[in-house]
Amino acid sequence: MNLDWLPVWLIVAAMVVTALVWFWAAHRGLREFRKCAAVAFGLWPALLVIKLVSHFLA
């Protein structure tokens, strides 16, 4: 998977925004938003690992 077009800072920024959405949803008691944010927050690190591995293997 070639992810050279995707900068690392963008993935990190998406992780920060997702964490903020999760905390906001937890504070407001919005369970659906919290579930979605938890899933997205789990996917961002996986994408970051794939990006870094593909960069070092290329």
PDB file of N, CA and C in Angstrom:
ATOM      1  N   MET A   1       0.858  -1.178   0.000  1.00  0.00           N
ATOM      2  CA  MET A   1       0.000   0.000   0.000  1.00  0.00           C
ATOM      3  C   MET A   1       0.903   1.239   0.000  1.00  0.00           C
ATOM      4  N   ASN A   2       0.762   2.062  -1.000  1.00  0.00           N
ATOM      5  CA  ASN A   2       1.595   3.254  -1.124  1.00  0.00           C
ATOM      6  C   ASN A   2       0.865   4.463  -0.528  1.00  0.00           C
ATOM      7  N   LEU A   3       1.366   4.951   0.580  1.00  0.00           N
ATOM      8  CA  LEU A   3       0.750   6.093   1.246  1.00  0.00           C
ATOM      9  C   LEU A   3       1.698   7.297   1.277  1.00  0.00           C
ATOM     10  N   ASP A   4       2.521   7.424   0.251  1.00  0.00           N
ATOM     11  CA  ASP A   4       3.459   8.546   0.220  1.00  0.00           C
ATOM     12  C   ASP A   4       2.752   9.891   0.121  1.00  0.00           C
ATOM     13  N   TRP A   5       1.556   9.911  -0.414  1.00  0.00           N
ATOM     14  CA  TRP A   5       0.807  11.161  -0.575  1.00  0.00           C
ATOM     15  C   TRP A   5       0.238  11.645   0.750  1.00  0.00           C
ATOM     16  N   LEU A   6       0.202  10.789   1.762  1.00  0.00           N
ATOM     17  CA  LEU A   6      -0.425  11.120   3.039  1.00  0.00           C
ATOM     18  C   LEU A   6       0.633  11.528   4.057  1.00  0.00           C
ATOM     19  N   PRO A   7       0.662  12.811   4.448  1.00  0.00           N
ATOM     20  CA  PRO A   7       1.677  13.236   5.417  1.00  0.00           C
ATOM     21  C   PRO A   7       1.369  12.725   6.823  1.00  0.00           C
ATOM     22  N   VAL A   8       2.424  12.443   7.572  1.00  0.00           N
ATOM     23  CA  VAL A   8       2.284  11.939   8.937  1.00  0.00           C
ATOM     24  C   VAL A   8       1.589  12.972   9.817  1.00  0.00           C
ATOM     25  N   TRP A   9       1.892  14.245   9.615  1.00  0.00           N
ATOM     26  CA  TRP A   9       1.287  15.277  10.463  1.00  0.00           C
ATOM     27  C   TRP A   9      -0.225  15.301  10.313  1.00  0.00           C
ATOM     28  N   LEU A  10      -0.727  14.936   9.121  1.00  0.00           N
ATOM     29  CA  LEU A  10      -2.175  14.905   8.906  1.00  0.00           C
ATOM     30  C   LEU A  10      -2.825  13.767   9.701  1.00  0.00           C
ATOM     31  N   ILE A  11      -2.165  12.631   9.758  1.00  0.00           N
ATOM     32  CA  ILE A  11      -2.676  11.515  10.548  1.00  0.00           C
ATOM     33  C   ILE A  11      -2.686  11.872  12.028  1.00  0.00           C
ATOM     34  N   VAL A  12      -1.604  12.497  12.503  1.00  0.00           N
ATOM     35  CA  VAL A  12      -1.517  12.897  13.916  1.00  0.00           C
ATOM     36  C   VAL A  12      -2.591  13.947  14.226  1.00  0.00           C
ATOM     37  N   ALA A  13      -2.798  14.898  13.317  1.00  0.00           N
ATOM     38  CA  ALA A  13      -3.839  15.910  13.519  1.00  0.00           C
ATOM     39  C   ALA A  13      -5.223  15.258  13.576  1.00  0.00           C
ATOM     40  N   ALA A  14      -5.462  14.269  12.736  1.00  0.00           N
ATOM     41  CA  ALA A  14      -6.741  13.558  12.758  1.00  0.00           C
ATOM     42  C   ALA A  14      -6.925  12.811  14.068  1.00  0.00           C
ATOM     43  N   MET A  15      -5.841  12.256  14.612  1.00  0.00           N
ATOM     44  CA  MET A  15      -5.924  11.581  15.905  1.00  0.00           C
ATOM     45  C   MET A  15      -6.291  12.566  17.009  1.00  0.00           C
ATOM     46  N   VAL A  16      -5.699  13.748  16.981  1.00  0.00           N
ATOM     47  CA  VAL A  16      -5.988  14.760  17.997  1.00  0.00           C
ATOM     48  C   VAL A  16      -7.443  15.218  17.896  1.00  0.00           C
ATOM     49  N   VAL A  17      -7.903  15.487  16.685  1.00  0.00           N
ATOM     50  CA  VAL A  17      -9.293  15.925  16.495  1.00  0.00           C
ATOM     51  C   VAL A  17     -10.252  14.826  16.942  1.00  0.00           C
ATOM     52  N   THR A  18      -9.955  13.592  16.614  1.00  0.00           N
ATOM     53  CA  THR A  18     -10.813  12.478  17.016  1.00  0.00           C
ATOM     54  C   THR A  18     -10.862  12.346  18.535  1.00  0.00           C
ATOM     55  N   ALA A  19      -9.717  12.514  19.192  1.00  0.00           N
ATOM     56  CA  ALA A  19      -9.698  12.460  20.656  1.00  0.00           C
ATOM     57  C   ALA A  19     -10.529  13.592  21.254  1.00  0.00           C
ATOM     58  N   LEU A  20     -10.440  14.781  20.676  1.00  0.00           N
ATOM     59  CA  LEU A  20     -11.248  15.898  21.165  1.00  0.00           C
ATOM     60  C   LEU A  20     -12.737  15.638  20.983  1.00  0.00           C
ATOM     61  N   VAL A  21     -13.115  15.053  19.847  1.00  0.00           N
ATOM     62  CA  VAL A  21     -14.518  14.702  19.614  1.00  0.00           C
ATOM     63  C   VAL A  21     -14.970  13.659  20.631  1.00  0.00           C
ATOM     64  N   TRP A  22     -14.117  12.689  20.938  1.00  0.00           N
ATOM     65  CA  TRP A  22     -14.472  11.666  21.910  1.00  0.00           C
ATOM     66  C   TRP A  22     -14.705  12.286  23.286  1.00  0.00           C
ATOM     67  N   PHE A  23     -13.796  13.169  23.711  1.00  0.00           N
ATOM     68  CA  PHE A  23     -13.952  13.819  25.015  1.00  0.00           C
ATOM     69  C   PHE A  23     -15.195  14.710  25.047  1.00  0.00           C
ATOM     70  N   TRP A  24     -15.456  15.404  23.957  1.00  0.00           N
ATOM     71  CA  TRP A  24     -16.654  16.241  23.887  1.00  0.00           C
ATOM     72  C   TRP A  24     -17.911  15.387  24.002  1.00  0.00           C
ATOM     73  N   ALA A  25     -17.931  14.278  23.257  1.00  0.00           N
ATOM     74  CA  ALA A  25     -19.094  13.391  23.287  1.00  0.00           C
ATOM     75  C   ALA A  25     -19.262  12.751  24.658  1.00  0.00           C
ATOM     76  N   ALA A  26     -18.163  12.398  25.296  1.00  0.00           N
ATOM     77  CA  ALA A  26     -18.248  11.820  26.635  1.00  0.00           C
ATOM     78  C   ALA A  26     -18.779  12.850  27.625  1.00  0.00           C
ATOM     79  N   HIS A  27     -18.345  14.080  27.471  1.00  0.00           N
ATOM     80  CA  HIS A  27     -18.801  15.149  28.376  1.00  0.00           C
ATOM     81  C   HIS A  27     -20.287  15.433  28.183  1.00  0.00           C
ATOM     82  N   ARG A  28     -20.756  15.383  26.940  1.00  0.00           N
ATOM     83  CA  ARG A  28     -22.159  15.675  26.642  1.00  0.00           C
ATOM     84  C   ARG A  28     -23.062  14.457  26.809  1.00  0.00           C
ATOM     85  N   GLY A  29     -22.467  13.285  27.004  1.00  0.00           N
ATOM     86  CA  GLY A  29     -23.262  12.070  27.168  1.00  0.00           C
ATOM     87  C   GLY A  29     -23.798  11.506  25.868  1.00  0.00           C
ATOM     88  N   LEU A  30     -23.127  11.783  24.776  1.00  0.00           N
ATOM     89  CA  LEU A  30     -23.565  11.309  23.457  1.00  0.00           C
ATOM     90  C   LEU A  30     -22.872   9.978  23.145  1.00  0.00           C
ATOM     91  N   ARG A  31     -23.565   8.905  23.388  1.00  0.00           N
ATOM     92  CA  ARG A  31     -22.944   7.581  23.256  1.00  0.00           C
ATOM     93  C   ARG A  31     -22.594   7.233  21.816  1.00  0.00           C
ATOM     94  N   GLU A  32     -23.429   7.603  20.871  1.00  0.00           N
ATOM     95  CA  GLU A  32     -23.168   7.245  19.473  1.00  0.00           C
ATOM     96  C   GLU A  32     -21.914   7.947  18.946  1.00  0.00           C
ATOM     97  N   PHE A  33     -21.772   9.230  19.256  1.00  0.00           N
ATOM     98  CA  PHE A  33     -20.564   9.943  18.841  1.00  0.00           C
ATOM     99  C   PHE A  33     -19.336   9.343  19.501  1.00  0.00           C
ATOM    100  N   ARG A  34     -19.478   8.974  20.765  1.00  0.00           N
ATOM    101  CA  ARG A  34     -18.346   8.411  21.491  1.00  0.00           C
ATOM    102  C   ARG A  34     -17.922   7.085  20.882  1.00  0.00           C
ATOM    103  N   LYS A  35     -18.895   6.260  20.473  1.00  0.00           N
ATOM    104  CA  LYS A  35     -18.567   4.978  19.842  1.00  0.00           C
ATOM    105  C   LYS A  35     -17.867   5.190  18.506  1.00  0.00           C
ATOM    106  N   CYS A  36     -18.377   6.101  17.700  1.00  0.00           N
ATOM    107  CA  CYS A  36     -17.769   6.383  16.397  1.00  0.00           C
ATOM    108  C   CYS A  36     -16.355   6.936  16.555  1.00  0.00           C
ATOM    109  N   ALA A  37     -16.185   7.835  17.511  1.00  0.00           N
ATOM    110  CA  ALA A  37     -14.862   8.411  17.735  1.00  0.00           C
ATOM    111  C   ALA A  37     -13.889   7.357  18.242  1.00  0.00           C
ATOM    112  N   ALA A  38     -14.358   6.435  19.067  1.00  0.00           N
ATOM    113  CA  ALA A  38     -13.484   5.370  19.568  1.00  0.00           C
ATOM    114  C   ALA A  38     -13.020   4.466  18.432  1.00  0.00           C
ATOM    115  N   VAL A  39     -13.919   4.152  17.508  1.00  0.00           N
ATOM    116  CA  VAL A  39     -13.544   3.329  16.358  1.00  0.00           C
ATOM    117  C   VAL A  39     -12.543   4.077  15.477  1.00  0.00           C
ATOM    118  N   ALA A  40     -12.820   5.343  15.207  1.00  0.00           N
ATOM    119  CA  ALA A  40     -11.907   6.134  14.369  1.00  0.00           C
ATOM    120  C   ALA A  40     -10.553   6.289  15.044  1.00  0.00           C
ATOM    121  N   PHE A  41     -10.559   6.505  16.359  1.00  0.00           N
ATOM    122  CA  PHE A  41      -9.292   6.667  17.068  1.00  0.00           C
ATOM    123  C   PHE A  41      -8.476   5.380  17.031  1.00  0.00           C
ATOM    124  N   GLY A  42      -9.141   4.241  16.933  1.00  0.00           N
ATOM    125  CA  GLY A  42      -8.442   2.979  16.786  1.00  0.00           C
ATOM    126  C   GLY A  42      -7.879   2.776  15.387  1.00  0.00           C
ATOM    127  N   LEU A  43      -8.528   3.390  14.390  1.00  0.00           N
ATOM    128  CA  LEU A  43      -8.071   3.220  13.012  1.00  0.00           C
ATOM    129  C   LEU A  43      -6.893   4.125  12.656  1.00  0.00           C
ATOM    130  N   TRP A  44      -6.822   5.321  13.246  1.00  0.00           N
ATOM    131  CA  TRP A  44      -5.740   6.245  12.899  1.00  0.00           C
ATOM    132  C   TRP A  44      -4.355   5.678  13.208  1.00  0.00           C
ATOM    133  N   PRO A  45      -4.123   5.089  14.396  1.00  0.00           N
ATOM    134  CA  PRO A  45      -2.796   4.511  14.633  1.00  0.00           C
ATOM    135  C   PRO A  45      -2.461   3.383  13.664  1.00  0.00           C
ATOM    136  N   ALA A  46      -3.462   2.593  13.276  1.00  0.00           N
ATOM    137  CA  ALA A  46      -3.212   1.531  12.299  1.00  0.00           C
ATOM    138  C   ALA A  46      -2.764   2.127  10.966  1.00  0.00           C
ATOM    139  N   LEU A  47      -3.416   3.201  10.550  1.00  0.00           N
ATOM    140  CA  LEU A  47      -3.022   3.870   9.312  1.00  0.00           C
ATOM    141  C   LEU A  47      -1.616   4.460   9.431  1.00  0.00           C
ATOM    142  N   LEU A  48      -1.293   5.000  10.591  1.00  0.00           N
ATOM    143  CA  LEU A  48       0.048   5.545  10.819  1.00  0.00           C
ATOM    144  C   LEU A  48       1.106   4.449  10.739  1.00  0.00           C
ATOM    145  N   VAL A  49       0.839   3.304  11.321  1.00  0.00           N
ATOM    146  CA  VAL A  49       1.788   2.184  11.266  1.00  0.00           C
ATOM    147  C   VAL A  49       1.964   1.714   9.831  1.00  0.00           C
ATOM    148  N   ILE A  50       0.867   1.585   9.088  1.00  0.00           N
ATOM    149  CA  ILE A  50       0.965   1.170   7.684  1.00  0.00           C
ATOM    150  C   ILE A  50       1.785   2.180   6.891  1.00  0.00           C
ATOM    151  N   LYS A  51       1.566   3.462   7.137  1.00  0.00           N
ATOM    152  CA  LYS A  51       2.310   4.519   6.444  1.00  0.00           C
ATOM    153  C   LYS A  51       3.807   4.407   6.732  1.00  0.00           C
ATOM    154  N   LEU A  52       4.157   4.266   8.011  1.00  0.00           N
ATOM    155  CA  LEU A  52       5.574   4.213   8.374  1.00  0.00           C
ATOM    156  C   LEU A  52       6.246   2.939   7.870  1.00  0.00           C
ATOM    157  N   VAL A  53       5.560   1.813   7.948  1.00  0.00           N
ATOM    158  CA  VAL A  53       6.139   0.565   7.459  1.00  0.00           C
ATOM    159  C   VAL A  53       6.331   0.619   5.949  1.00  0.00           C
ATOM    160  N   SER A  54       5.339   1.131   5.229  1.00  0.00           N
ATOM    161  CA  SER A  54       5.482   1.210   3.770  1.00  0.00           C
ATOM    162  C   SER A  54       6.587   2.187   3.376  1.00  0.00           C
ATOM    163  N   HIS A  55       6.786   3.222   4.191  1.00  0.00           N
ATOM    164  CA  HIS A  55       7.853   4.180   3.896  1.00  0.00           C
ATOM    165  C   HIS A  55       9.226   3.542   4.083  1.00  0.00           C
ATOM    166  N   PHE A  56       9.390   2.770   5.142  1.00  0.00           N
ATOM    167  CA  PHE A  56      10.694   2.171   5.406  1.00  0.00           C
ATOM    168  C   PHE A  56      10.980   0.966   4.535  1.00  0.00           C
ATOM    169  N   LEU A  57       9.952   0.304   4.034  1.00  0.00           N
ATOM    170  CA  LEU A  57      10.164  -0.834   3.151  1.00  0.00           C
ATOM    171  C   LEU A  57      10.362  -0.423   1.698  1.00  0.00           C
ATOM    172  N   ALA A  58       9.974   0.797   1.368  1.00  0.00           N
ATOM    173  CA  ALA A  58      10.099   1.253  -0.025  1.00  0.00           C
ATOM    174  C   ALA A  58      11.516   1.631  -0.382  1.00  0.00           C
TER     175      ALA A  58
END
